Amino acid sequence: MILKDVADERKIFKDMGMSKWREVRMKDLKKDTKIRVYSSAGRPLELGGDETFITTTEPYQKDGVWCVEVKSVT
């Protein structure tokens, strides 16, 4: 799945270990990072019932928009 950085106020959090999550910008992610994405209303983005993803690429720009490819943890 490809995530795109859009202006909808979603928030991306990366796993800092020990059940700690920190907000991060998409362009600052690294490959193989566990992330969670939440809407501005606080709802998690889910794929097949899983809300934790692993980045499978470094962030890249496509048509001026930051993107990163992810897969669900399970």
C-alpha atoms as a PDB file:
ATOM      1  CA  MET A   1       0.000   0.000   0.000  1.00  0.00           C
ATOM      2  CA  ILE A   2       1.264   3.502  -0.770  1.00  0.00           C
ATOM      3  CA  LEU A   3       0.645   6.275   1.751  1.00  0.00           C
ATOM      4  CA  LYS A   4       0.658   9.825   0.431  1.00  0.00           C
ATOM      5  CA  ASP A   5       1.242  12.939   2.488  1.00  0.00           C
ATOM      6  CA  VAL A   6      -1.964  14.915   2.007  1.00  0.00           C
ATOM      7  CA  ALA A   7      -3.286  18.092   3.615  1.00  0.00           C
ATOM      8  CA  ASP A   8      -6.061  16.418   5.625  1.00  0.00           C
ATOM      9  CA  GLU A   9      -4.438  16.900   9.042  1.00  0.00           C
ATOM     10  CA  ARG A  10      -3.683  13.189   9.498  1.00  0.00           C
ATOM     11  CA  LYS A  11      -0.953  12.381  11.971  1.00  0.00           C
ATOM     12  CA  ILE A  12       1.791   9.805  11.601  1.00  0.00           C
ATOM     13  CA  PHE A  13       3.450   8.277  14.658  1.00  0.00           C
ATOM     14  CA  LYS A  14       6.566   6.127  14.662  1.00  0.00           C
ATOM     15  CA  ASP A  15       7.367   3.422  17.183  1.00  0.00           C
ATOM     16  CA  MET A  16      10.072   4.566  19.571  1.00  0.00           C
ATOM     17  CA  GLY A  17      10.121   1.234  21.433  1.00  0.00           C
ATOM     18  CA  MET A  18       8.752   0.326  24.842  1.00  0.00           C
ATOM     19  CA  SER A  19       5.186   1.270  23.801  1.00  0.00           C
ATOM     20  CA  LYS A  20       6.184   4.882  23.087  1.00  0.00           C
ATOM     21  CA  TRP A  21       5.050   6.593  19.882  1.00  0.00           C
ATOM     22  CA  ARG A  22       6.189   9.972  18.558  1.00  0.00           C
ATOM     23  CA  GLU A  23       4.647  12.110  15.834  1.00  0.00           C
ATOM     24  CA  VAL A  24       6.792  12.355  12.726  1.00  0.00           C
ATOM     25  CA  ARG A  25       6.586  13.864   9.251  1.00  0.00           C
ATOM     26  CA  MET A  26       6.364  11.435   6.365  1.00  0.00           C
ATOM     27  CA  LYS A  27       9.536  12.751   4.736  1.00  0.00           C
ATOM     28  CA  ASP A  28      11.471  11.920   7.930  1.00  0.00           C
ATOM     29  CA  LEU A  29      10.534   8.227   8.013  1.00  0.00           C
ATOM     30  CA  LYS A  30      13.069   5.496   7.324  1.00  0.00           C
ATOM     31  CA  LYS A  31      12.636   2.074   5.749  1.00  0.00           C
ATOM     32  CA  ASP A  32      11.556  -0.687   8.189  1.00  0.00           C
ATOM     33  CA  THR A  33       9.950   1.743  10.674  1.00  0.00           C
ATOM     34  CA  LYS A  34       6.755   0.774  12.510  1.00  0.00           C
ATOM     35  CA  ILE A  35       4.141   3.494  12.131  1.00  0.00           C
ATOM     36  CA  ARG A  36       0.529   4.272  12.907  1.00  0.00           C
ATOM     37  CA  VAL A  37      -1.586   6.795  11.007  1.00  0.00           C
ATOM     38  CA  TYR A  38      -4.541   8.651  12.517  1.00  0.00           C
ATOM     39  CA  SER A  39      -7.131  10.945  10.933  1.00  0.00           C
ATOM     40  CA  SER A  40      -7.736  14.435  12.275  1.00  0.00           C
ATOM     41  CA  ALA A  41     -10.714  12.927  14.138  1.00  0.00           C
ATOM     42  CA  GLY A  42      -8.375  10.484  15.902  1.00  0.00           C
ATOM     43  CA  ARG A  43      -9.427   7.373  13.988  1.00  0.00           C
ATOM     44  CA  PRO A  44      -6.678   4.936  13.036  1.00  0.00           C
ATOM     45  CA  LEU A  45      -6.038   3.968   9.444  1.00  0.00           C
ATOM     46  CA  GLU A  46      -6.576   0.216   9.238  1.00  0.00           C
ATOM     47  CA  LEU A  47      -5.681  -2.425   6.690  1.00  0.00           C
ATOM     48  CA  GLY A  48      -7.248  -5.833   7.268  1.00  0.00           C
ATOM     49  CA  GLY A  49      -7.975  -4.914  10.887  1.00  0.00           C
ATOM     50  CA  ASP A  50      -4.353  -3.961  11.608  1.00  0.00           C
ATOM     51  CA  GLU A  51      -3.464  -0.356  12.455  1.00  0.00           C
ATOM     52  CA  THR A  52       0.310  -0.772  12.721  1.00  0.00           C
ATOM     53  CA  PHE A  53       2.353  -0.713   9.517  1.00  0.00           C
ATOM     54  CA  ILE A  54       5.985  -1.153   8.524  1.00  0.00           C
ATOM     55  CA  THR A  55       7.522   1.095   5.905  1.00  0.00           C
ATOM     56  CA  THR A  56       8.956  -0.953   3.037  1.00  0.00           C
ATOM     57  CA  THR A  57      10.655   1.969   1.279  1.00  0.00           C
ATOM     58  CA  GLU A  58      12.375   5.198   2.133  1.00  0.00           C
ATOM     59  CA  PRO A  59      10.074   8.223   1.590  1.00  0.00           C
ATOM     60  CA  TYR A  60      10.085   9.526  -1.970  1.00  0.00           C
ATOM     61  CA  GLN A  61       8.389  12.301  -3.882  1.00  0.00           C
ATOM     62  CA  LYS A  62       5.931  11.580  -6.674  1.00  0.00           C
ATOM     63  CA  ASP A  63       4.498  14.604  -8.463  1.00  0.00           C
ATOM     64  CA  GLY A  64       5.680  16.804  -5.578  1.00  0.00           C
ATOM     65  CA  VAL A  65       3.949  14.719  -2.881  1.00  0.00           C
ATOM     66  CA  TRP A  66       5.795  12.684  -0.252  1.00  0.00           C
ATOM     67  CA  CYS A  67       4.953   8.964  -0.411  1.00  0.00           C
ATOM     68  CA  VAL A  68       6.048   5.821   1.387  1.00  0.00           C
ATOM     69  CA  GLU A  69       5.125   2.207   0.780  1.00  0.00           C
ATOM     70  CA  VAL A  70       3.886   0.197   3.758  1.00  0.00           C
ATOM     71  CA  LYS A  71       2.637  -3.234   4.699  1.00  0.00           C
ATOM     72  CA  SER A  72       0.630  -4.346   7.709  1.00  0.00           C
ATOM     73  CA  VAL A  73       2.594  -5.880  10.566  1.00  0.00           C
ATOM     74  CA  THR A  74       0.729  -9.205  10.481  1.00  0.00           C
END
